[in-house]
């Protein structure tokens, strides 16, 4: 099932893809929106399965793992 996204949703997703650790205050500030609508959108996107996880991407070389 496709989820309909508006500009605010897309902008939130873009920021979260760049840095999923951004505080809600910072996301709202960057988008020129208040925190409550941004938080509601993030909750909606999680509930719809658009945001499935927030993960850390590790640099294998920096943690001593060999790469092919």
C-alpha atoms as a PDB file:
ATOM      1  CA  UNK A   1       0.000   0.000   0.000  1.00  0.00           C
ATOM      2  CA  UNK A   2       1.367   3.397  -0.977  1.00  0.00           C
ATOM      3  CA  UNK A   3       1.273   6.159   1.625  1.00  0.00           C
ATOM      4  CA  UNK A   4       0.412   9.654   0.407  1.00  0.00           C
ATOM      5  CA  UNK A   5       3.145  12.107   1.393  1.00  0.00           C
ATOM      6  CA  UNK A   6       2.970  15.877   1.296  1.00  0.00           C
ATOM      7  CA  UNK A   7       5.871  18.336   1.278  1.00  0.00           C
ATOM      8  CA  UNK A   8       6.146  18.413   5.075  1.00  0.00           C
ATOM      9  CA  UNK A   9       6.338  14.617   5.228  1.00  0.00           C
ATOM     10  CA  UNK A  10       9.016  14.548   2.521  1.00  0.00           C
ATOM     11  CA  UNK A  11      11.039  17.269   4.224  1.00  0.00           C
ATOM     12  CA  UNK A  12      10.874  15.482   7.571  1.00  0.00           C
ATOM     13  CA  UNK A  13      11.977  12.236   5.940  1.00  0.00           C
ATOM     14  CA  UNK A  14      14.828  13.991   4.176  1.00  0.00           C
ATOM     15  CA  UNK A  15      16.149  15.423   7.436  1.00  0.00           C
ATOM     16  CA  UNK A  16      15.791  12.108   9.246  1.00  0.00           C
ATOM     17  CA  UNK A  17      17.635  10.292   6.466  1.00  0.00           C
ATOM     18  CA  UNK A  18      20.523  12.734   6.833  1.00  0.00           C
ATOM     19  CA  UNK A  19      20.609  12.430  10.630  1.00  0.00           C
ATOM     20  CA  UNK A  20      18.043  10.386  12.537  1.00  0.00           C
ATOM     21  CA  UNK A  21      19.403  11.746  15.831  1.00  0.00           C
ATOM     22  CA  UNK A  22      18.194  15.294  15.167  1.00  0.00           C
ATOM     23  CA  UNK A  23      16.128  16.555  18.087  1.00  0.00           C
ATOM     24  CA  UNK A  24      12.497  17.384  17.393  1.00  0.00           C
ATOM     25  CA  UNK A  25      13.201  21.061  18.147  1.00  0.00           C
ATOM     26  CA  UNK A  26      15.865  21.161  15.444  1.00  0.00           C
ATOM     27  CA  UNK A  27      13.705  19.418  12.840  1.00  0.00           C
ATOM     28  CA  UNK A  28      10.869  21.862  13.508  1.00  0.00           C
ATOM     29  CA  UNK A  29      13.243  24.849  13.391  1.00  0.00           C
ATOM     30  CA  UNK A  30      14.767  23.785  10.068  1.00  0.00           C
ATOM     31  CA  UNK A  31      11.335  23.298   8.553  1.00  0.00           C
ATOM     32  CA  UNK A  32       9.862  26.497   9.972  1.00  0.00           C
ATOM     33  CA  UNK A  33       7.143  24.521  11.733  1.00  0.00           C
ATOM     34  CA  UNK A  34       6.090  24.014  15.325  1.00  0.00           C
ATOM     35  CA  UNK A  35       7.062  20.871  17.224  1.00  0.00           C
ATOM     36  CA  UNK A  36       3.581  19.406  17.665  1.00  0.00           C
ATOM     37  CA  UNK A  37       2.724  19.015  13.957  1.00  0.00           C
ATOM     38  CA  UNK A  38       6.210  17.672  13.225  1.00  0.00           C
ATOM     39  CA  UNK A  39       5.943  15.132  16.061  1.00  0.00           C
ATOM     40  CA  UNK A  40       2.473  14.084  14.891  1.00  0.00           C
ATOM     41  CA  UNK A  41       3.794  13.560  11.356  1.00  0.00           C
ATOM     42  CA  UNK A  42       6.725  11.468  12.579  1.00  0.00           C
ATOM     43  CA  UNK A  43       4.345   9.319  14.641  1.00  0.00           C
ATOM     44  CA  UNK A  44       2.061   8.928  11.608  1.00  0.00           C
ATOM     45  CA  UNK A  45       4.979   7.950   9.379  1.00  0.00           C
ATOM     46  CA  UNK A  46       6.142   5.361  11.928  1.00  0.00           C
ATOM     47  CA  UNK A  47       2.636   3.935  12.341  1.00  0.00           C
ATOM     48  CA  UNK A  48       2.247   3.643   8.556  1.00  0.00           C
ATOM     49  CA  UNK A  49       5.553   1.789   8.299  1.00  0.00           C
ATOM     50  CA  UNK A  50       7.211   4.538   6.267  1.00  0.00           C
ATOM     51  CA  UNK A  51       9.828   4.907   9.018  1.00  0.00           C
ATOM     52  CA  UNK A  52      10.741   1.343   9.879  1.00  0.00           C
ATOM     53  CA  UNK A  53      13.833   1.861  12.038  1.00  0.00           C
ATOM     54  CA  UNK A  54      16.441   4.316  13.211  1.00  0.00           C
ATOM     55  CA  UNK A  55      19.878   2.782  12.827  1.00  0.00           C
ATOM     56  CA  UNK A  56      23.559   3.586  13.213  1.00  0.00           C
ATOM     57  CA  UNK A  57      25.708   3.017  10.134  1.00  0.00           C
ATOM     58  CA  UNK A  58      29.148   1.907  11.229  1.00  0.00           C
ATOM     59  CA  UNK A  59      32.433   2.343   9.397  1.00  0.00           C
ATOM     60  CA  UNK A  60      33.879  -1.208   9.407  1.00  0.00           C
ATOM     61  CA  UNK A  61      37.443   0.034   8.927  1.00  0.00           C
ATOM     62  CA  UNK A  62      37.267   2.316  11.952  1.00  0.00           C
ATOM     63  CA  UNK A  63      36.156  -0.515  14.218  1.00  0.00           C
ATOM     64  CA  UNK A  64      38.805  -2.919  12.988  1.00  0.00           C
ATOM     65  CA  UNK A  65      36.768  -5.100  10.654  1.00  0.00           C
ATOM     66  CA  UNK A  66      38.307  -6.262   7.401  1.00  0.00           C
ATOM     67  CA  UNK A  67      36.498  -5.401   4.207  1.00  0.00           C
ATOM     68  CA  UNK A  68      36.606  -7.256   0.915  1.00  0.00           C
END
